[in-house]
Amino acid sequence: MTPPRSWSPRPAALVLAWLLAAVALLLTVLGPDAATRVLMGTGTALVVAMAAYGTLVRPRLTADDTGLTVRTLTGPRHLPWHEVHVKLAHTRRLGREVATLELDWRRGEDEQLYVLTPTDLGADPRDVADVLHALRP
């Protein structure tokens, strides 16, 4: 039995997001007028939501002998190896190529596609795909 492997957003990125949220909250409270506080409050809420999401979904992906577990806001979802297809997708955005990891899960009529970015994984999706293919029985 191999030990489980997991991937999560980088801790430094989460710390930075929470620091930005704290600074944004401070600037919101110290805003000179109501309009500024409303606009800053909206931005602060978005930054807090992003930081909370990154914190709550840790670890984002876990792999073991039985399959994969993907954590989302609705909770963890276990995907047995025989029901999931792991694929790398490459897209070109803003002049650079970005790799994403696609987990295509199918059980009878039910299906779900999970797309994990380098930010979600805290690692290069190509490296994660190599590990997943090596772990797959």
N, C-alpha and C. Protein backbone atom coordinates (compact mmCIF):
# COMPACT_ATOMS: atom_id res chain seq x y z
N MET A 1 0.84 -1.18 0.00
CA MET A 1 0.00 0.00 0.00
C MET A 1 0.88 1.24 0.00
N THR A 2 0.68 2.10 -0.97
CA THR A 2 1.46 3.32 -1.05
C THR A 2 0.80 4.41 -0.20
N PRO A 3 1.61 5.29 0.38
CA PRO A 3 1.02 6.36 1.19
C PRO A 3 0.25 7.34 0.29
N PRO A 4 -0.81 7.94 0.82
CA PRO A 4 -1.59 8.89 0.02
C PRO A 4 -0.76 10.12 -0.33
N ARG A 5 -1.01 10.65 -1.51
CA ARG A 5 -0.38 11.90 -1.95
C ARG A 5 -1.47 12.95 -2.02
N SER A 6 -1.13 14.19 -1.70
CA SER A 6 -2.14 15.24 -1.77
C SER A 6 -1.54 16.53 -2.32
N TRP A 7 -2.42 17.35 -2.90
CA TRP A 7 -2.04 18.63 -3.48
C TRP A 7 -3.03 19.68 -3.02
N SER A 8 -2.51 20.86 -2.69
CA SER A 8 -3.32 21.94 -2.15
C SER A 8 -2.78 23.27 -2.67
N PRO A 9 -3.60 24.32 -2.53
CA PRO A 9 -3.05 25.66 -2.82
C PRO A 9 -1.85 25.91 -1.90
N ARG A 10 -0.88 26.64 -2.42
CA ARG A 10 0.33 26.91 -1.63
C ARG A 10 -0.01 27.71 -0.38
N PRO A 11 0.56 27.32 0.76
CA PRO A 11 0.30 28.06 2.01
C PRO A 11 0.67 29.54 1.91
N ALA A 12 1.77 29.85 1.22
CA ALA A 12 2.18 31.25 1.10
C ALA A 12 1.12 32.07 0.35
N ALA A 13 0.48 31.47 -0.64
CA ALA A 13 -0.57 32.18 -1.37
C ALA A 13 -1.77 32.44 -0.48
N LEU A 14 -2.10 31.48 0.38
CA LEU A 14 -3.22 31.68 1.30
C LEU A 14 -2.91 32.74 2.35
N VAL A 15 -1.69 32.73 2.87
CA VAL A 15 -1.30 33.76 3.83
C VAL A 15 -1.38 35.13 3.18
N LEU A 16 -0.89 35.24 1.96
CA LEU A 16 -0.97 36.51 1.24
C LEU A 16 -2.42 36.94 1.02
N ALA A 17 -3.28 36.01 0.66
CA ALA A 17 -4.70 36.34 0.45
C ALA A 17 -5.34 36.85 1.74
N TRP A 18 -5.05 36.21 2.87
CA TRP A 18 -5.62 36.66 4.15
C TRP A 18 -5.04 38.01 4.56
N LEU A 19 -3.75 38.24 4.29
CA LEU A 19 -3.17 39.56 4.58
C LEU A 19 -3.82 40.64 3.73
N LEU A 20 -4.03 40.35 2.45
CA LEU A 20 -4.72 41.31 1.58
C LEU A 20 -6.14 41.57 2.08
N ALA A 21 -6.81 40.54 2.56
CA ALA A 21 -8.16 40.71 3.09
C ALA A 21 -8.14 41.62 4.32
N ALA A 22 -7.15 41.44 5.19
CA ALA A 22 -7.05 42.28 6.39
C ALA A 22 -6.78 43.73 6.03
N VAL A 23 -5.87 43.95 5.08
CA VAL A 23 -5.57 45.32 4.63
C VAL A 23 -6.79 45.93 3.97
N ALA A 24 -7.48 45.17 3.14
CA ALA A 24 -8.68 45.68 2.47
C ALA A 24 -9.76 46.03 3.49
N LEU A 25 -9.90 45.21 4.52
CA LEU A 25 -10.89 45.51 5.57
C LEU A 25 -10.53 46.79 6.31
N LEU A 26 -9.26 46.96 6.61
CA LEU A 26 -8.81 48.18 7.28
C LEU A 26 -9.09 49.41 6.42
N LEU A 27 -8.76 49.31 5.12
CA LEU A 27 -9.01 50.43 4.21
C LEU A 27 -10.50 50.71 4.07
N THR A 28 -11.31 49.66 4.13
CA THR A 28 -12.76 49.83 4.05
C THR A 28 -13.28 50.61 5.25
N VAL A 29 -12.83 50.22 6.43
CA VAL A 29 -13.27 50.88 7.66
C VAL A 29 -12.81 52.34 7.69
N LEU A 30 -11.61 52.59 7.19
CA LEU A 30 -11.06 53.95 7.22
C LEU A 30 -11.46 54.78 6.00
N GLY A 31 -12.33 54.26 5.15
CA GLY A 31 -12.75 54.99 3.95
C GLY A 31 -13.34 56.35 4.30
N PRO A 32 -13.06 57.37 3.46
CA PRO A 32 -13.48 58.74 3.77
C PRO A 32 -14.99 58.99 3.65
N ASP A 33 -15.67 58.21 2.82
CA ASP A 33 -17.10 58.44 2.66
C ASP A 33 -17.83 57.12 2.42
N ALA A 34 -19.14 57.18 2.41
CA ALA A 34 -19.96 55.97 2.29
C ALA A 34 -19.75 55.25 0.97
N ALA A 35 -19.63 56.00 -0.12
CA ALA A 35 -19.45 55.37 -1.44
C ALA A 35 -18.14 54.58 -1.49
N THR A 36 -17.09 55.15 -0.95
CA THR A 36 -15.80 54.46 -0.92
C THR A 36 -15.89 53.19 -0.07
N ARG A 37 -16.57 53.29 1.07
CA ARG A 37 -16.71 52.13 1.95
C ARG A 37 -17.52 51.01 1.29
N VAL A 38 -18.54 51.38 0.51
CA VAL A 38 -19.33 50.36 -0.19
C VAL A 38 -18.48 49.67 -1.25
N LEU A 39 -17.76 50.44 -2.04
CA LEU A 39 -16.90 49.84 -3.08
C LEU A 39 -15.79 49.00 -2.47
N MET A 40 -15.14 49.53 -1.45
CA MET A 40 -14.07 48.78 -0.80
C MET A 40 -14.63 47.55 -0.08
N GLY A 41 -15.82 47.66 0.48
CA GLY A 41 -16.45 46.52 1.14
C GLY A 41 -16.73 45.39 0.17
N THR A 42 -17.16 45.75 -1.04
CA THR A 42 -17.40 44.73 -2.07
C THR A 42 -16.11 44.02 -2.44
N GLY A 43 -15.05 44.80 -2.66
CA GLY A 43 -13.75 44.21 -2.97
C GLY A 43 -13.23 43.35 -1.83
N THR A 44 -13.42 43.82 -0.61
CA THR A 44 -12.99 43.07 0.56
C THR A 44 -13.72 41.74 0.65
N ALA A 45 -15.02 41.77 0.39
CA ALA A 45 -15.81 40.52 0.43
C ALA A 45 -15.29 39.52 -0.60
N LEU A 46 -14.91 39.99 -1.78
CA LEU A 46 -14.37 39.09 -2.81
C LEU A 46 -13.04 38.49 -2.37
N VAL A 47 -12.16 39.31 -1.80
CA VAL A 47 -10.86 38.80 -1.36
C VAL A 47 -11.04 37.80 -0.22
N VAL A 48 -11.95 38.10 0.72
CA VAL A 48 -12.22 37.17 1.82
C VAL A 48 -12.78 35.86 1.28
N ALA A 49 -13.68 35.94 0.29
CA ALA A 49 -14.26 34.72 -0.29
C ALA A 49 -13.18 33.87 -0.95
N MET A 50 -12.26 34.50 -1.68
CA MET A 50 -11.18 33.74 -2.33
C MET A 50 -10.26 33.10 -1.29
N ALA A 51 -9.91 33.84 -0.25
CA ALA A 51 -9.04 33.29 0.79
C ALA A 51 -9.74 32.15 1.54
N ALA A 52 -11.01 32.33 1.83
CA ALA A 52 -11.76 31.28 2.53
C ALA A 52 -11.88 30.03 1.67
N TYR A 53 -12.14 30.20 0.38
CA TYR A 53 -12.23 29.05 -0.53
C TYR A 53 -10.92 28.26 -0.52
N GLY A 54 -9.80 28.97 -0.68
CA GLY A 54 -8.51 28.30 -0.68
C GLY A 54 -8.21 27.58 0.62
N THR A 55 -8.70 28.13 1.72
CA THR A 55 -8.48 27.51 3.02
C THR A 55 -9.38 26.30 3.23
N LEU A 56 -10.64 26.41 2.83
CA LEU A 56 -11.62 25.34 3.08
C LEU A 56 -11.42 24.10 2.21
N VAL A 57 -10.85 24.24 1.03
CA VAL A 57 -10.73 23.09 0.13
C VAL A 57 -9.37 22.38 0.25
N ARG A 58 -8.64 22.65 1.32
CA ARG A 58 -7.36 21.97 1.51
C ARG A 58 -7.58 20.59 2.11
N PRO A 59 -6.94 19.54 1.67
CA PRO A 59 -6.22 19.44 0.40
C PRO A 59 -7.21 19.33 -0.77
N ARG A 60 -6.87 19.94 -1.87
CA ARG A 60 -7.77 19.99 -3.02
C ARG A 60 -7.89 18.62 -3.68
N LEU A 61 -6.79 17.90 -3.77
CA LEU A 61 -6.77 16.58 -4.41
C LEU A 61 -5.92 15.63 -3.58
N THR A 62 -6.45 14.44 -3.34
CA THR A 62 -5.72 13.39 -2.64
C THR A 62 -5.82 12.11 -3.46
N ALA A 63 -4.70 11.41 -3.59
CA ALA A 63 -4.68 10.16 -4.35
C ALA A 63 -4.13 9.05 -3.46
N ASP A 64 -4.79 7.89 -3.53
CA ASP A 64 -4.31 6.72 -2.81
C ASP A 64 -4.60 5.48 -3.66
N ASP A 65 -4.45 4.30 -3.07
CA ASP A 65 -4.65 3.06 -3.83
C ASP A 65 -6.09 2.87 -4.30
N THR A 66 -7.04 3.46 -3.59
CA THR A 66 -8.46 3.25 -3.94
C THR A 66 -8.97 4.23 -4.97
N GLY A 67 -8.30 5.36 -5.14
CA GLY A 67 -8.75 6.36 -6.11
C GLY A 67 -8.37 7.76 -5.71
N LEU A 68 -9.15 8.72 -6.19
CA LEU A 68 -8.89 10.13 -5.95
C LEU A 68 -9.98 10.70 -5.05
N THR A 69 -9.62 11.69 -4.26
CA THR A 69 -10.60 12.44 -3.49
C THR A 69 -10.41 13.91 -3.83
N VAL A 70 -11.47 14.52 -4.35
CA VAL A 70 -11.46 15.93 -4.72
C VAL A 70 -12.29 16.67 -3.68
N ARG A 71 -11.72 17.72 -3.11
CA ARG A 71 -12.45 18.50 -2.11
C ARG A 71 -12.98 19.77 -2.76
N THR A 72 -14.29 19.99 -2.60
CA THR A 72 -14.94 21.20 -3.11
C THR A 72 -15.67 21.87 -1.95
N LEU A 73 -16.35 22.96 -2.23
CA LEU A 73 -17.10 23.65 -1.17
C LEU A 73 -18.22 22.79 -0.60
N THR A 74 -18.71 21.84 -1.38
CA THR A 74 -19.78 20.96 -0.90
C THR A 74 -19.23 19.75 -0.15
N GLY A 75 -17.92 19.64 -0.04
CA GLY A 75 -17.31 18.54 0.70
C GLY A 75 -16.45 17.67 -0.20
N PRO A 76 -15.80 16.67 0.39
CA PRO A 76 -14.94 15.78 -0.40
C PRO A 76 -15.77 14.79 -1.22
N ARG A 77 -15.24 14.45 -2.38
CA ARG A 77 -15.89 13.47 -3.27
C ARG A 77 -14.85 12.43 -3.65
N HIS A 78 -15.10 11.17 -3.30
CA HIS A 78 -14.17 10.09 -3.63
C HIS A 78 -14.49 9.55 -5.02
N LEU A 79 -13.46 9.45 -5.85
CA LEU A 79 -13.59 8.95 -7.21
C LEU A 79 -12.75 7.69 -7.35
N PRO A 80 -13.36 6.50 -7.40
CA PRO A 80 -12.58 5.26 -7.57
C PRO A 80 -11.82 5.29 -8.90
N TRP A 81 -10.66 4.66 -8.92
CA TRP A 81 -9.81 4.69 -10.11
C TRP A 81 -10.55 4.22 -11.36
N HIS A 82 -11.38 3.19 -11.25
CA HIS A 82 -12.02 2.64 -12.45
C HIS A 82 -13.13 3.55 -12.99
N GLU A 83 -13.50 4.59 -12.26
CA GLU A 83 -14.56 5.50 -12.70
C GLU A 83 -14.04 6.86 -13.16
N VAL A 84 -12.74 7.07 -13.08
CA VAL A 84 -12.20 8.40 -13.39
C VAL A 84 -11.15 8.31 -14.50
N HIS A 85 -11.19 9.30 -15.38
CA HIS A 85 -10.21 9.41 -16.45
C HIS A 85 -9.41 10.69 -16.20
N VAL A 86 -8.09 10.56 -16.10
CA VAL A 86 -7.21 11.70 -15.82
C VAL A 86 -6.62 12.19 -17.13
N LYS A 87 -6.74 13.50 -17.38
CA LYS A 87 -6.27 14.05 -18.65
C LYS A 87 -5.66 15.43 -18.42
N LEU A 88 -4.61 15.73 -19.16
CA LEU A 88 -4.03 17.07 -19.16
C LEU A 88 -4.64 17.87 -20.30
N ALA A 89 -5.02 19.09 -20.02
CA ALA A 89 -5.54 19.98 -21.06
C ALA A 89 -4.63 21.19 -21.14
N HIS A 90 -4.35 21.63 -22.34
CA HIS A 90 -3.50 22.81 -22.55
C HIS A 90 -4.32 23.89 -23.23
N THR A 91 -4.31 25.07 -22.64
CA THR A 91 -5.01 26.20 -23.24
C THR A 91 -4.04 27.37 -23.35
N ARG A 92 -4.29 28.20 -24.33
CA ARG A 92 -3.45 29.37 -24.54
C ARG A 92 -4.22 30.60 -24.08
N ARG A 93 -3.66 31.29 -23.09
CA ARG A 93 -4.29 32.50 -22.56
C ARG A 93 -3.26 33.59 -22.41
N LEU A 94 -3.62 34.76 -22.89
CA LEU A 94 -2.76 35.94 -22.76
C LEU A 94 -1.33 35.66 -23.23
N GLY A 95 -1.23 34.92 -24.31
CA GLY A 95 0.07 34.67 -24.91
C GLY A 95 0.90 33.58 -24.26
N ARG A 96 0.36 32.90 -23.28
CA ARG A 96 1.12 31.80 -22.68
C ARG A 96 0.24 30.56 -22.55
N GLU A 97 0.90 29.43 -22.60
CA GLU A 97 0.17 28.16 -22.51
C GLU A 97 0.04 27.75 -21.04
N VAL A 98 -1.17 27.37 -20.67
CA VAL A 98 -1.45 26.95 -19.29
C VAL A 98 -1.97 25.52 -19.32
N ALA A 99 -1.40 24.68 -18.47
CA ALA A 99 -1.85 23.29 -18.35
C ALA A 99 -2.83 23.18 -17.19
N THR A 100 -3.90 22.42 -17.40
CA THR A 100 -4.85 22.12 -16.33
C THR A 100 -5.04 20.61 -16.28
N LEU A 101 -5.40 20.13 -15.11
CA LEU A 101 -5.65 18.70 -14.92
C LEU A 101 -7.15 18.48 -14.93
N GLU A 102 -7.62 17.62 -15.82
CA GLU A 102 -9.05 17.32 -15.91
C GLU A 102 -9.30 15.92 -15.36
N LEU A 103 -10.23 15.84 -14.44
CA LEU A 103 -10.66 14.55 -13.88
C LEU A 103 -12.09 14.33 -14.34
N ASP A 104 -12.25 13.40 -15.27
CA ASP A 104 -13.57 13.12 -15.84
C ASP A 104 -14.12 11.87 -15.15
N TRP A 105 -15.12 12.08 -14.29
CA TRP A 105 -15.70 10.99 -13.50
C TRP A 105 -17.02 10.57 -14.11
N ARG A 106 -17.23 9.25 -14.22
CA ARG A 106 -18.46 8.71 -14.78
C ARG A 106 -18.89 7.47 -14.03
N ARG A 107 -20.17 7.45 -13.62
CA ARG A 107 -20.76 6.27 -12.98
C ARG A 107 -22.18 6.16 -13.53
N GLY A 108 -22.39 5.22 -14.44
CA GLY A 108 -23.71 5.08 -15.06
C GLY A 108 -24.10 6.34 -15.80
N GLU A 109 -25.23 6.92 -15.44
CA GLU A 109 -25.71 8.15 -16.07
C GLU A 109 -25.10 9.40 -15.44
N ASP A 110 -24.50 9.27 -14.27
CA ASP A 110 -23.91 10.41 -13.58
C ASP A 110 -22.52 10.68 -14.13
N GLU A 111 -22.21 11.96 -14.27
CA GLU A 111 -20.86 12.33 -14.68
C GLU A 111 -20.52 13.71 -14.13
N GLN A 112 -19.24 13.94 -13.95
CA GLN A 112 -18.77 15.21 -13.40
C GLN A 112 -17.37 15.46 -13.94
N LEU A 113 -17.09 16.70 -14.29
CA LEU A 113 -15.76 17.09 -14.74
C LEU A 113 -15.16 18.03 -13.71
N TYR A 114 -14.00 17.68 -13.19
CA TYR A 114 -13.26 18.54 -12.27
C TYR A 114 -12.05 19.07 -13.02
N VAL A 115 -11.89 20.38 -13.05
CA VAL A 115 -10.75 21.01 -13.71
C VAL A 115 -9.91 21.68 -12.63
N LEU A 116 -8.67 21.23 -12.50
CA LEU A 116 -7.77 21.73 -11.46
C LEU A 116 -6.63 22.50 -12.10
N THR A 117 -6.42 23.71 -11.64
CA THR A 117 -5.39 24.59 -12.17
C THR A 117 -4.11 24.48 -11.33
N PRO A 118 -3.02 25.07 -11.80
CA PRO A 118 -1.81 25.09 -10.98
C PRO A 118 -2.05 25.75 -9.61
N THR A 119 -2.91 26.75 -9.56
CA THR A 119 -3.23 27.40 -8.29
C THR A 119 -3.95 26.44 -7.35
N ASP A 120 -4.89 25.66 -7.88
CA ASP A 120 -5.61 24.67 -7.07
C ASP A 120 -4.67 23.63 -6.49
N LEU A 121 -3.72 23.19 -7.30
CA LEU A 121 -2.85 22.08 -6.93
C LEU A 121 -1.60 22.51 -6.18
N GLY A 122 -1.19 23.76 -6.35
CA GLY A 122 0.07 24.20 -5.76
C GLY A 122 1.27 23.56 -6.42
N ALA A 123 1.06 23.01 -7.61
CA ALA A 123 2.12 22.32 -8.36
C ALA A 123 1.76 22.34 -9.84
N ASP A 124 2.72 21.96 -10.65
CA ASP A 124 2.48 21.88 -12.09
C ASP A 124 1.56 20.69 -12.38
N PRO A 125 0.45 20.90 -13.07
CA PRO A 125 -0.46 19.79 -13.37
C PRO A 125 0.20 18.64 -14.12
N ARG A 126 1.24 18.92 -14.90
CA ARG A 126 1.95 17.85 -15.61
C ARG A 126 2.61 16.89 -14.62
N ASP A 127 3.22 17.46 -13.57
CA ASP A 127 3.86 16.63 -12.54
C ASP A 127 2.82 15.82 -11.78
N VAL A 128 1.68 16.45 -11.47
CA VAL A 128 0.61 15.76 -10.75
C VAL A 128 0.06 14.62 -11.60
N ALA A 129 -0.13 14.87 -12.90
CA ALA A 129 -0.64 13.83 -13.80
C ALA A 129 0.32 12.64 -13.85
N ASP A 130 1.62 12.91 -13.88
CA ASP A 130 2.60 11.82 -13.88
C ASP A 130 2.48 10.97 -12.62
N VAL A 131 2.32 11.61 -11.47
CA VAL A 131 2.18 10.88 -10.21
C VAL A 131 0.89 10.07 -10.22
N LEU A 132 -0.20 10.67 -10.70
CA LEU A 132 -1.49 9.96 -10.73
C LEU A 132 -1.44 8.74 -11.65
N HIS A 133 -0.79 8.89 -12.80
CA HIS A 133 -0.69 7.74 -13.71
C HIS A 133 0.17 6.64 -13.10
N ALA A 134 1.19 7.01 -12.32
CA ALA A 134 2.03 6.01 -11.65
C ALA A 134 1.27 5.31 -10.52
N LEU A 135 0.39 6.03 -9.84
CA LEU A 135 -0.38 5.44 -8.73
C LEU A 135 -1.53 4.57 -9.20
N ARG A 136 -2.04 4.86 -10.38
CA ARG A 136 -3.23 4.15 -10.87
C ARG A 136 -2.93 2.66 -11.02
N PRO A 137 -3.78 1.80 -10.44
CA PRO A 137 -3.53 0.35 -10.54
C PRO A 137 -3.78 -0.18 -11.94
